C-alpha atoms as a PDB file:
ATOM      1  CA  GLN A   1      -4.173   9.972  21.142  1.00  0.00           C
ATOM      2  CA  VAL A   2      -2.037   7.919  18.776  1.00  0.00           C
ATOM      3  CA  GLN A   3      -2.454   4.168  19.106  1.00  0.00           C
ATOM      4  CA  LEU A   4      -0.249   1.367  17.814  1.00  0.00           C
ATOM      5  CA  VAL A   5      -1.820  -1.960  16.894  1.00  0.00           C
ATOM      6  CA  GLU A   6       0.348  -4.988  16.177  1.00  0.00           C
ATOM      7  CA  SER A   7      -0.634  -8.075  14.216  1.00  0.00           C
ATOM      8  CA  GLY A   8       0.970 -11.134  12.690  1.00  0.00           C
ATOM      9  CA  GLY A   9       2.192 -13.032  15.703  1.00  0.00           C
ATOM     10  CA  GLY A  10       1.555 -16.704  16.188  1.00  0.00           C
ATOM     11  CA  LEU A  11       2.990 -20.174  16.560  1.00  0.00           C
ATOM     12  CA  VAL A  12       5.682 -21.266  14.138  1.00  0.00           C
ATOM     13  CA  LYS A  13       8.178 -24.112  13.902  1.00  0.00           C
ATOM     14  CA  PRO A  14      11.920 -23.501  14.023  1.00  0.00           C
ATOM     15  CA  GLY A  15      13.129 -22.327  10.648  1.00  0.00           C
ATOM     16  CA  GLY A  16       9.756 -20.849   9.829  1.00  0.00           C
ATOM     17  CA  SER A  17       8.777 -17.262   9.065  1.00  0.00           C
ATOM     18  CA  LEU A  18       6.370 -14.653  10.332  1.00  0.00           C
ATOM     19  CA  ARG A  19       5.647 -11.092   9.351  1.00  0.00           C
ATOM     20  CA  LEU A  20       4.608  -8.637  12.011  1.00  0.00           C
ATOM     21  CA  SER A  21       2.781  -5.423  11.211  1.00  0.00           C
ATOM     22  CA  CYS A  22       2.170  -2.355  13.322  1.00  0.00           C
ATOM     23  CA  VAL A  23      -0.186   0.428  12.331  1.00  0.00           C
ATOM     24  CA  ALA A  24      -0.263   3.822  13.978  1.00  0.00           C
ATOM     25  CA  SER A  25      -3.615   5.569  14.055  1.00  0.00           C
ATOM     26  CA  GLY A  26      -4.847   8.861  15.373  1.00  0.00           C
ATOM     27  CA  SER A  27      -4.937  12.450  14.264  1.00  0.00           C
ATOM     28  CA  ASP A  28      -2.420  15.243  13.837  1.00  0.00           C
ATOM     29  CA  PHE A  29       0.681  13.152  14.248  1.00  0.00           C
ATOM     30  CA  ARG A  30       3.913  12.515  12.433  1.00  0.00           C
ATOM     31  CA  ILE A  31       6.050   9.429  12.876  1.00  0.00           C
ATOM     32  CA  GLU A  32       9.774  10.017  13.335  1.00  0.00           C
ATOM     33  CA  ALA A  33      10.834   6.441  13.985  1.00  0.00           C
ATOM     34  CA  MET A  34       9.258   3.074  14.611  1.00  0.00           C
ATOM     35  CA  GLY A  35      10.670  -0.103  15.950  1.00  0.00           C
ATOM     36  CA  TRP A  36      10.140  -3.506  17.447  1.00  0.00           C
ATOM     37  CA  TYR A  37      11.098  -4.683  20.901  1.00  0.00           C
ATOM     38  CA  ARG A  38      10.601  -8.076  22.449  1.00  0.00           C
ATOM     39  CA  GLN A  39      10.358  -9.465  25.920  1.00  0.00           C
ATOM     40  CA  ALA A  40      10.781 -13.125  26.746  1.00  0.00           C
ATOM     41  CA  PRO A  41       9.617 -14.582  30.080  1.00  0.00           C
ATOM     42  CA  GLY A  42      12.006 -13.612  32.842  1.00  0.00           C
ATOM     43  CA  LYS A  43      14.010 -11.313  30.617  1.00  0.00           C
ATOM     44  CA  GLU A  44      14.157  -7.585  30.049  1.00  0.00           C
ATOM     45  CA  ARG A  45      12.591  -5.953  27.040  1.00  0.00           C
ATOM     46  CA  GLU A  46      15.144  -5.567  24.254  1.00  0.00           C
ATOM     47  CA  LEU A  47      15.356  -3.749  20.966  1.00  0.00           C
ATOM     48  CA  VAL A  48      14.981  -6.022  17.961  1.00  0.00           C
ATOM     49  CA  ALA A  49      14.888  -3.546  15.089  1.00  0.00           C
ATOM     50  CA  GLY A  50      14.298   0.123  14.493  1.00  0.00           C
ATOM     51  CA  MET A  51      13.797   2.362  11.511  1.00  0.00           C
ATOM     52  CA  ALA A  52      13.888   6.133  11.293  1.00  0.00           C
ATOM     53  CA  ARG A  53      11.880   8.303   8.979  1.00  0.00           C
ATOM     54  CA  ASN A  54      15.001   8.940   6.904  1.00  0.00           C
ATOM     55  CA  GLY A  55      15.405   5.231   6.309  1.00  0.00           C
ATOM     56  CA  ASP A  56      18.192   4.533   8.781  1.00  0.00           C
ATOM     57  CA  THR A  57      17.800   1.113  10.359  1.00  0.00           C
ATOM     58  CA  LYS A  58      19.335  -0.853  13.183  1.00  0.00           C
ATOM     59  CA  LEU A  59      19.053  -4.507  14.041  1.00  0.00           C
ATOM     60  CA  ALA A  60      20.019  -6.452  17.114  1.00  0.00           C
ATOM     61  CA  ASP A  61      23.020  -8.681  16.473  1.00  0.00           C
ATOM     62  CA  SER A  62      20.959 -11.735  17.329  1.00  0.00           C
ATOM     63  CA  VAL A  63      18.589 -11.182  14.414  1.00  0.00           C
ATOM     64  CA  LYS A  64      20.904  -9.827  11.731  1.00  0.00           C
ATOM     65  CA  GLY A  65      20.626 -11.857   8.560  1.00  0.00           C
ATOM     66  CA  ARG A  66      17.250 -13.244   9.633  1.00  0.00           C
ATOM     67  CA  PHE A  67      14.971 -10.273  10.353  1.00  0.00           C
ATOM     68  CA  THR A  68      14.208  -7.261   8.174  1.00  0.00           C
ATOM     69  CA  ILE A  69      12.432  -4.080   9.174  1.00  0.00           C
ATOM     70  CA  SER A  70      10.588  -1.893   6.712  1.00  0.00           C
ATOM     71  CA  MET A  71       8.197   1.016   6.872  1.00  0.00           C
ATOM     72  CA  ASN A  72       5.395   2.432   4.776  1.00  0.00           C
ATOM     73  CA  SER A  73       5.340   6.036   5.904  1.00  0.00           C
ATOM     74  CA  ALA A  74       2.210   6.827   3.916  1.00  0.00           C
ATOM     75  CA  LYS A  75       0.348   4.142   5.857  1.00  0.00           C
ATOM     76  CA  ASN A  76       2.104   4.813   9.178  1.00  0.00           C
ATOM     77  CA  THR A  77       2.951   1.142   9.256  1.00  0.00           C
ATOM     78  CA  VAL A  78       6.102  -0.719  10.178  1.00  0.00           C
ATOM     79  CA  TYR A  79       6.782  -4.344   9.361  1.00  0.00           C
ATOM     80  CA  LEU A  80       9.114  -6.949  10.767  1.00  0.00           C
ATOM     81  CA  GLN A  81       9.854  -9.853   8.471  1.00  0.00           C
ATOM     82  CA  MET A  82      11.217 -12.692  10.557  1.00  0.00           C
ATOM     83  CA  ASN A  83      12.841 -15.614   8.775  1.00  0.00           C
ATOM     84  CA  ASN A  84      14.627 -18.694  10.030  1.00  0.00           C
ATOM     85  CA  LEU A  85      13.014 -18.321  13.433  1.00  0.00           C
ATOM     86  CA  GLU A  86      14.700 -19.916  16.407  1.00  0.00           C
ATOM     87  CA  PHE A  87      13.428 -21.067  19.795  1.00  0.00           C
ATOM     88  CA  GLU A  88      15.163 -18.048  21.322  1.00  0.00           C
ATOM     89  CA  ASP A  89      12.943 -15.709  19.304  1.00  0.00           C
ATOM     90  CA  THR A  90       9.947 -16.693  21.399  1.00  0.00           C
ATOM     91  CA  ALA A  91       8.690 -13.549  23.100  1.00  0.00           C
ATOM     92  CA  VAL A  92       6.027 -10.894  23.130  1.00  0.00           C
ATOM     93  CA  TYR A  93       6.892  -8.415  20.411  1.00  0.00           C
ATOM     94  CA  TYR A  94       6.023  -4.778  21.009  1.00  0.00           C
ATOM     95  CA  CYS A  95       5.796  -1.982  18.509  1.00  0.00           C
ATOM     96  CA  ASN A  96       7.204   1.388  19.525  1.00  0.00           C
ATOM     97  CA  ALA A  97       7.048   4.790  17.900  1.00  0.00           C
ATOM     98  CA  ASP A  98       8.735   8.141  18.358  1.00  0.00           C
ATOM     99  CA  LEU A  99       6.350  10.743  17.021  1.00  0.00           C
ATOM    100  CA  PHE A 100       5.046  14.248  17.191  1.00  0.00           C
ATOM    101  CA  GLU A 101       1.398  14.581  18.151  1.00  0.00           C
ATOM    102  CA  ASP A 102       0.046  18.110  17.829  1.00  0.00           C
ATOM    103  CA  TYR A 103       3.726  19.131  17.643  1.00  0.00           C
ATOM    104  CA  VAL A 104       4.447  17.519  21.021  1.00  0.00           C
ATOM    105  CA  PRO A 105       7.113  14.768  21.019  1.00  0.00           C
ATOM    106  CA  LYS A 106       5.885  11.458  22.374  1.00  0.00           C
ATOM    107  CA  ASN A 107       6.897   7.839  22.629  1.00  0.00           C
ATOM    108  CA  THR A 108       4.150   5.254  22.283  1.00  0.00           C
ATOM    109  CA  TRP A 109       3.910   1.492  22.741  1.00  0.00           C
ATOM    110  CA  GLY A 110       1.594  -1.095  21.317  1.00  0.00           C
ATOM    111  CA  SER A 111       0.078  -3.815  23.491  1.00  0.00           C
ATOM    112  CA  GLY A 112       2.218  -6.565  21.991  1.00  0.00           C
ATOM    113  CA  THR A 113       1.809  -9.697  19.928  1.00  0.00           C
ATOM    114  CA  GLN A 114       2.992 -13.152  20.961  1.00  0.00           C
ATOM    115  CA  VAL A 115       5.498 -15.032  18.837  1.00  0.00           C
ATOM    116  CA  THR A 116       6.101 -18.629  19.827  1.00  0.00           C
ATOM    117  CA  VAL A 117       8.677 -20.805  18.120  1.00  0.00           C
ATOM    118  CA  SER A 118       8.096 -24.420  18.957  1.00  0.00           C
ATOM    119  CA  ALA A 119       8.460 -27.806  17.344  1.00  0.00           C
END
């Protein structure tokens, strides 16, 4: 079974930067798209950024100009570079992947990594 493991979260001051990474591991799978979602306390989970295998990307309006998503397909890894972080970016960030595992389409979530923006 394919697993997603996130890393890179932490505590940062407003205006600071963090880089999140998510690695997919398993056997007999192919990534079609990967992305990052976040969920703040009391709020619904929302899409932050996504990237398809063909390179197409999408970013939430709230992070445009500050966050960048990239992918290393050879390493089955997706990154989220977060710059100029704001208090409102505080949330648990989850990695998500659309993939084929043994030719069966699946959608998989990581367990999340906490990002806290605080002075």
